Amino acid sequence: MKHVNLRLPEDLHDQARAAAAADDRSLNSWLIAVVRRALTPEETPRRPSGDATAQASRGNSHAPRS
């Protein structure tokens, strides 16, 4: 197992700790679950697939700046 030092803003840390407690997990265990979910394509329906509809659904309809 690898170790990672992660610095979080205090408000985000507090929110993550509360979410972990609500899920009856340690903060470390909760963060591992969140990262796994984020990296599993089947479980991330909001991840853009590269097509135009995915871009539009993210609100990326601004014209490029010149």
PDB file of N, CA and C in Angstrom:
ATOM      1  N   MET A   1       0.847  -1.165   0.000  1.00  0.00           N
ATOM      2  CA  MET A   1       0.000   0.000   0.000  1.00  0.00           C
ATOM      3  C   MET A   1       0.900   1.237   0.000  1.00  0.00           C
ATOM      4  N   LYS A   2       0.525   2.223  -0.805  1.00  0.00           N
ATOM      5  CA  LYS A   2       1.261   3.482  -0.884  1.00  0.00           C
ATOM      6  C   LYS A   2       0.648   4.504   0.070  1.00  0.00           C
ATOM      7  N   HIS A   3       1.474   5.421   0.513  1.00  0.00           N
ATOM      8  CA  HIS A   3       1.013   6.509   1.380  1.00  0.00           C
ATOM      9  C   HIS A   3       1.042   7.809   0.594  1.00  0.00           C
ATOM     10  N   VAL A   4       0.030   8.632   0.810  1.00  0.00           N
ATOM     11  CA  VAL A   4      -0.070   9.930   0.155  1.00  0.00           C
ATOM     12  C   VAL A   4      -0.399  10.972   1.222  1.00  0.00           C
ATOM     13  N   ASN A   5       0.343  12.040   1.214  1.00  0.00           N
ATOM     14  CA  ASN A   5       0.000  13.168   2.080  1.00  0.00           C
ATOM     15  C   ASN A   5      -0.907  14.090   1.287  1.00  0.00           C
ATOM     16  N   LEU A   6      -2.067  14.346   1.805  1.00  0.00           N
ATOM     17  CA  LEU A   6      -3.049  15.171   1.125  1.00  0.00           C
ATOM     18  C   LEU A   6      -3.400  16.352   2.011  1.00  0.00           C
ATOM     19  N   ARG A   7      -3.204  17.542   1.486  1.00  0.00           N
ATOM     20  CA  ARG A   7      -3.563  18.746   2.234  1.00  0.00           C
ATOM     21  C   ARG A   7      -4.900  19.249   1.714  1.00  0.00           C
ATOM     22  N   LEU A   8      -5.852  19.377   2.606  1.00  0.00           N
ATOM     23  CA  LEU A   8      -7.187  19.845   2.252  1.00  0.00           C
ATOM     24  C   LEU A   8      -7.466  21.169   2.951  1.00  0.00           C
ATOM     25  N   PRO A   9      -8.206  22.040   2.292  1.00  0.00           N
ATOM     26  CA  PRO A   9      -8.666  23.233   3.008  1.00  0.00           C
ATOM     27  C   PRO A   9      -9.513  22.778   4.203  1.00  0.00           C
ATOM     28  N   GLU A  10      -9.496  23.578   5.246  1.00  0.00           N
ATOM     29  CA  GLU A  10     -10.173  23.185   6.481  1.00  0.00           C
ATOM     30  C   GLU A  10     -11.650  22.874   6.272  1.00  0.00           C
ATOM     31  N   ASP A  11     -12.339  23.697   5.460  1.00  0.00           N
ATOM     32  CA  ASP A  11     -13.770  23.457   5.246  1.00  0.00           C
ATOM     33  C   ASP A  11     -14.013  22.138   4.516  1.00  0.00           C
ATOM     34  N   LEU A  12     -13.170  21.812   3.545  1.00  0.00           N
ATOM     35  CA  LEU A  12     -13.330  20.552   2.812  1.00  0.00           C
ATOM     36  C   LEU A  12     -13.011  19.364   3.716  1.00  0.00           C
ATOM     37  N   HIS A  13     -12.018  19.512   4.553  1.00  0.00           N
ATOM     38  CA  HIS A  13     -11.677  18.462   5.508  1.00  0.00           C
ATOM     39  C   HIS A  13     -12.848  18.196   6.451  1.00  0.00           C
ATOM     40  N   ASP A  14     -13.437  19.266   6.952  1.00  0.00           N
ATOM     41  CA  ASP A  14     -14.587  19.119   7.855  1.00  0.00           C
ATOM     42  C   ASP A  14     -15.745  18.407   7.157  1.00  0.00           C
ATOM     43  N   GLN A  15     -16.009  18.773   5.900  1.00  0.00           N
ATOM     44  CA  GLN A  15     -17.099  18.146   5.146  1.00  0.00           C
ATOM     45  C   GLN A  15     -16.796  16.674   4.873  1.00  0.00           C
ATOM     46  N   ALA A  16     -15.554  16.368   4.521  1.00  0.00           N
ATOM     47  CA  ALA A  16     -15.166  14.976   4.254  1.00  0.00           C
ATOM     48  C   ALA A  16     -15.269  14.143   5.526  1.00  0.00           C
ATOM     49  N   ARG A  17     -14.819  14.705   6.641  1.00  0.00           N
ATOM     50  CA  ARG A  17     -14.907  13.993   7.919  1.00  0.00           C
ATOM     51  C   ARG A  17     -16.371  13.706   8.283  1.00  0.00           C
ATOM     52  N   ALA A  18     -17.236  14.680   8.070  1.00  0.00           N
ATOM     53  CA  ALA A  18     -18.657  14.504   8.368  1.00  0.00           C
ATOM     54  C   ALA A  18     -19.274  13.443   7.451  1.00  0.00           C
ATOM     55  N   ALA A  19     -18.906  13.465   6.177  1.00  0.00           N
ATOM     56  CA  ALA A  19     -19.427  12.469   5.236  1.00  0.00           C
ATOM     57  C   ALA A  19     -18.944  11.073   5.615  1.00  0.00           C
ATOM     58  N   ALA A  20     -17.695  10.961   6.028  1.00  0.00           N
ATOM     59  CA  ALA A  20     -17.149   9.665   6.448  1.00  0.00           C
ATOM     60  C   ALA A  20     -17.889   9.158   7.687  1.00  0.00           C
ATOM     61  N   ALA A  21     -18.115  10.042   8.637  1.00  0.00           N
ATOM     62  CA  ALA A  21     -18.829   9.652   9.858  1.00  0.00           C
ATOM     63  C   ALA A  21     -20.256   9.207   9.534  1.00  0.00           C
ATOM     64  N   ALA A  22     -20.909   9.922   8.624  1.00  0.00           N
ATOM     65  CA  ALA A  22     -22.275   9.565   8.237  1.00  0.00           C
ATOM     66  C   ALA A  22     -22.322   8.214   7.543  1.00  0.00           C
ATOM     67  N   ASP A  23     -21.204   7.847   6.893  1.00  0.00           N
ATOM     68  CA  ASP A  23     -21.107   6.559   6.198  1.00  0.00           C
ATOM     69  C   ASP A  23     -20.499   5.490   7.108  1.00  0.00           C
ATOM     70  N   ASP A  24     -20.289   5.846   8.379  1.00  0.00           N
ATOM     71  CA  ASP A  24     -19.707   4.950   9.385  1.00  0.00           C
ATOM     72  C   ASP A  24     -18.358   4.390   8.936  1.00  0.00           C
ATOM     73  N   ARG A  25     -17.511   5.287   8.409  1.00  0.00           N
ATOM     74  CA  ARG A  25     -16.170   4.915   7.958  1.00  0.00           C
ATOM     75  C   ARG A  25     -15.157   5.873   8.541  1.00  0.00           C
ATOM     76  N   SER A  26     -13.909   5.451   8.524  1.00  0.00           N
ATOM     77  CA  SER A  26     -12.838   6.387   8.852  1.00  0.00           C
ATOM     78  C   SER A  26     -12.682   7.326   7.661  1.00  0.00           C
ATOM     79  N   LEU A  27     -12.054   8.459   7.902  1.00  0.00           N
ATOM     80  CA  LEU A  27     -11.821   9.398   6.811  1.00  0.00           C
ATOM     81  C   LEU A  27     -10.991   8.737   5.719  1.00  0.00           C
ATOM     82  N   ASN A  28      -9.966   8.003   6.091  1.00  0.00           N
ATOM     83  CA  ASN A  28      -9.118   7.323   5.118  1.00  0.00           C
ATOM     84  C   ASN A  28      -9.925   6.340   4.270  1.00  0.00           C
ATOM     85  N   SER A  29     -10.734   5.523   4.907  1.00  0.00           N
ATOM     86  CA  SER A  29     -11.549   4.546   4.196  1.00  0.00           C
ATOM     87  C   SER A  29     -12.546   5.228   3.270  1.00  0.00           C
ATOM     88  N   TRP A  30     -13.124   6.320   3.724  1.00  0.00           N
ATOM     89  CA  TRP A  30     -14.085   7.059   2.909  1.00  0.00           C
ATOM     90  C   TRP A  30     -13.404   7.671   1.683  1.00  0.00           C
ATOM     91  N   LEU A  31     -12.217   8.251   1.889  1.00  0.00           N
ATOM     92  CA  LEU A  31     -11.486   8.835   0.762  1.00  0.00           C
ATOM     93  C   LEU A  31     -11.099   7.780  -0.272  1.00  0.00           C
ATOM     94  N   ILE A  32     -10.692   6.605   0.188  1.00  0.00           N
ATOM     95  CA  ILE A  32     -10.372   5.512  -0.743  1.00  0.00           C
ATOM     96  C   ILE A  32     -11.602   5.152  -1.566  1.00  0.00           C
ATOM     97  N   ALA A  33     -12.760   5.041  -0.919  1.00  0.00           N
ATOM     98  CA  ALA A  33     -13.992   4.710  -1.635  1.00  0.00           C
ATOM     99  C   ALA A  33     -14.347   5.786  -2.664  1.00  0.00           C
ATOM    100  N   VAL A  34     -14.166   7.058  -2.298  1.00  0.00           N
ATOM    101  CA  VAL A  34     -14.470   8.164  -3.209  1.00  0.00           C
ATOM    102  C   VAL A  34     -13.542   8.129  -4.423  1.00  0.00           C
ATOM    103  N   VAL A  35     -12.258   7.900  -4.204  1.00  0.00           N
ATOM    104  CA  VAL A  35     -11.302   7.837  -5.317  1.00  0.00           C
ATOM    105  C   VAL A  35     -11.620   6.645  -6.209  1.00  0.00           C
ATOM    106  N   ARG A  36     -11.922   5.499  -5.617  1.00  0.00           N
ATOM    107  CA  ARG A  36     -12.284   4.322  -6.436  1.00  0.00           C
ATOM    108  C   ARG A  36     -13.503   4.593  -7.307  1.00  0.00           C
ATOM    109  N   ARG A  37     -14.525   5.215  -6.706  1.00  0.00           N
ATOM    110  CA  ARG A  37     -15.735   5.544  -7.465  1.00  0.00           C
ATOM    111  C   ARG A  37     -15.406   6.488  -8.610  1.00  0.00           C
ATOM    112  N   ALA A  38     -14.563   7.462  -8.352  1.00  0.00           N
ATOM    113  CA  ALA A  38     -14.199   8.456  -9.368  1.00  0.00           C
ATOM    114  C   ALA A  38     -13.423   7.822 -10.517  1.00  0.00           C
ATOM    115  N   LEU A  39     -12.717   6.745 -10.254  1.00  0.00           N
ATOM    116  CA  LEU A  39     -11.892   6.113 -11.281  1.00  0.00           C
ATOM    117  C   LEU A  39     -12.559   4.934 -11.964  1.00  0.00           C
ATOM    118  N   THR A  40     -13.780   4.620 -11.572  1.00  0.00           N
ATOM    119  CA  THR A  40     -14.520   3.510 -12.181  1.00  0.00           C
ATOM    120  C   THR A  40     -15.528   4.081 -13.164  1.00  0.00           C
ATOM    121  N   PRO A  41     -15.268   3.962 -14.478  1.00  0.00           N
ATOM    122  CA  PRO A  41     -16.134   4.591 -15.486  1.00  0.00           C
ATOM    123  C   PRO A  41     -17.607   4.205 -15.365  1.00  0.00           C
ATOM    124  N   GLU A  42     -17.921   2.981 -15.019  1.00  0.00           N
ATOM    125  CA  GLU A  42     -19.322   2.561 -14.931  1.00  0.00           C
ATOM    126  C   GLU A  42     -20.071   3.313 -13.846  1.00  0.00           C
ATOM    127  N   GLU A  43     -19.369   3.825 -12.868  1.00  0.00           N
ATOM    128  CA  GLU A  43     -20.023   4.483 -11.744  1.00  0.00           C
ATOM    129  C   GLU A  43     -19.915   5.998 -11.803  1.00  0.00           C
ATOM    130  N   THR A  44     -19.457   6.538 -12.929  1.00  0.00           N
ATOM    131  CA  THR A  44     -19.323   7.986 -13.043  1.00  0.00           C
ATOM    132  C   THR A  44     -20.073   8.475 -14.276  1.00  0.00           C
ATOM    133  N   PRO A  45     -21.410   8.531 -14.190  1.00  0.00           N
ATOM    134  CA  PRO A  45     -22.194   8.936 -15.357  1.00  0.00           C
ATOM    135  C   PRO A  45     -21.938  10.370 -15.787  1.00  0.00           C
ATOM    136  N   ARG A  46     -21.394  11.211 -14.921  1.00  0.00           N
ATOM    137  CA  ARG A  46     -21.148  12.603 -15.288  1.00  0.00           C
ATOM    138  C   ARG A  46     -19.815  12.780 -16.003  1.00  0.00           C
ATOM    139  N   ARG A  47     -19.031  11.711 -16.090  1.00  0.00           N
ATOM    140  CA  ARG A  47     -17.743  11.814 -16.769  1.00  0.00           C
ATOM    141  C   ARG A  47     -17.994  11.996 -18.256  1.00  0.00           C
ATOM    142  N   PRO A  48     -17.422  13.029 -18.863  1.00  0.00           N
ATOM    143  CA  PRO A  48     -17.648  13.249 -20.294  1.00  0.00           C
ATOM    144  C   PRO A  48     -17.021  12.140 -21.117  1.00  0.00           C
ATOM    145  N   SER A  49     -17.716  11.727 -22.161  1.00  0.00           N
ATOM    146  CA  SER A  49     -17.211  10.661 -23.021  1.00  0.00           C
ATOM    147  C   SER A  49     -16.491  11.203 -24.238  1.00  0.00           C
ATOM    148  N   GLY A  50     -16.426  12.506 -24.375  1.00  0.00           N
ATOM    149  CA  GLY A  50     -15.716  13.095 -25.495  1.00  0.00           C
ATOM    150  C   GLY A  50     -16.622  13.516 -26.629  1.00  0.00           C
ATOM    151  N   ASP A  51     -17.906  13.177 -26.562  1.00  0.00           N
ATOM    152  CA  ASP A  51     -18.800  13.583 -27.644  1.00  0.00           C
ATOM    153  C   ASP A  51     -19.407  14.950 -27.338  1.00  0.00           C
ATOM    154  N   ALA A  52     -20.004  15.554 -28.323  1.00  0.00           N
ATOM    155  CA  ALA A  52     -20.531  16.917 -28.194  1.00  0.00           C
ATOM    156  C   ALA A  52     -21.634  17.012 -27.145  1.00  0.00           C
ATOM    157  N   THR A  53     -22.456  15.969 -27.009  1.00  0.00           N
ATOM    158  CA  THR A  53     -23.543  16.038 -26.032  1.00  0.00           C
ATOM    159  C   THR A  53     -22.996  16.043 -24.616  1.00  0.00           C
ATOM    160  N   ALA A  54     -21.915  15.325 -24.381  1.00  0.00           N
ATOM    161  CA  ALA A  54     -21.313  15.332 -23.051  1.00  0.00           C
ATOM    162  C   ALA A  54     -20.758  16.714 -22.749  1.00  0.00           C
ATOM    163  N   GLN A  55     -20.150  17.360 -23.729  1.00  0.00           N
ATOM    164  CA  GLN A  55     -19.625  18.698 -23.522  1.00  0.00           C
ATOM    165  C   GLN A  55     -20.756  19.673 -23.228  1.00  0.00           C
ATOM    166  N   ALA A  56     -21.845  19.580 -23.975  1.00  0.00           N
ATOM    167  CA  ALA A  56     -22.974  20.490 -23.780  1.00  0.00           C
ATOM    168  C   ALA A  56     -23.618  20.271 -22.420  1.00  0.00           C
ATOM    169  N   SER A  57     -23.690  19.023 -21.975  1.00  0.00           N
ATOM    170  CA  SER A  57     -24.337  18.751 -20.700  1.00  0.00           C
ATOM    171  C   SER A  57     -23.533  19.310 -19.539  1.00  0.00           C
ATOM    172  N   ARG A  58     -22.254  19.544 -19.735  1.00  0.00           N
ATOM    173  CA  ARG A  58     -21.424  20.125 -18.692  1.00  0.00           C
ATOM    174  C   ARG A  58     -21.500  21.635 -18.701  1.00  0.00           C
ATOM    175  N   GLY A  59     -22.263  22.199 -19.629  1.00  0.00           N
ATOM    176  CA  GLY A  59     -22.388  23.644 -19.674  1.00  0.00           C
ATOM    177  C   GLY A  59     -21.224  24.311 -20.373  1.00  0.00           C
ATOM    178  N   ASN A  60     -20.537  23.543 -21.185  1.00  0.00           N
ATOM    179  CA  ASN A  60     -19.368  24.076 -21.878  1.00  0.00           C
ATOM    180  C   ASN A  60     -19.763  24.590 -23.254  1.00  0.00           C
ATOM    181  N   SER A  61     -20.680  25.548 -23.295  1.00  0.00           N
ATOM    182  CA  SER A  61     -21.186  26.035 -24.571  1.00  0.00           C
ATOM    183  C   SER A  61     -20.646  27.416 -24.909  1.00  0.00           C
ATOM    184  N   HIS A  62     -19.643  27.876 -24.177  1.00  0.00           N
ATOM    185  CA  HIS A  62     -19.069  29.182 -24.434  1.00  0.00           C
ATOM    186  C   HIS A  62     -18.219  29.148 -25.695  1.00  0.00           C
ATOM    187  N   ALA A  63     -18.250  30.229 -26.431  1.00  0.00           N
ATOM    188  CA  ALA A  63     -17.398  30.339 -27.616  1.00  0.00           C
ATOM    189  C   ALA A  63     -15.959  30.523 -27.163  1.00  0.00           C
ATOM    190  N   PRO A  64     -15.010  29.994 -27.933  1.00  0.00           N
ATOM    191  CA  PRO A  64     -13.608  30.153 -27.555  1.00  0.00           C
ATOM    192  C   PRO A  64     -13.209  31.626 -27.555  1.00  0.00           C
ATOM    193  N   ARG A  65     -12.319  31.972 -26.664  1.00  0.00           N
ATOM    194  CA  ARG A  65     -11.828  33.351 -26.603  1.00  0.00           C
ATOM    195  C   ARG A  65     -10.791  33.573 -27.680  1.00  0.00           C
ATOM    196  N   SER A  66     -10.777  34.802 -28.215  1.00  0.00           N
ATOM    197  CA  SER A  66      -9.781  35.088 -29.238  1.00  0.00           C
ATOM    198  C   SER A  66      -8.640  35.886 -28.692  1.00  0.00           C
TER     199      SER A  66
END
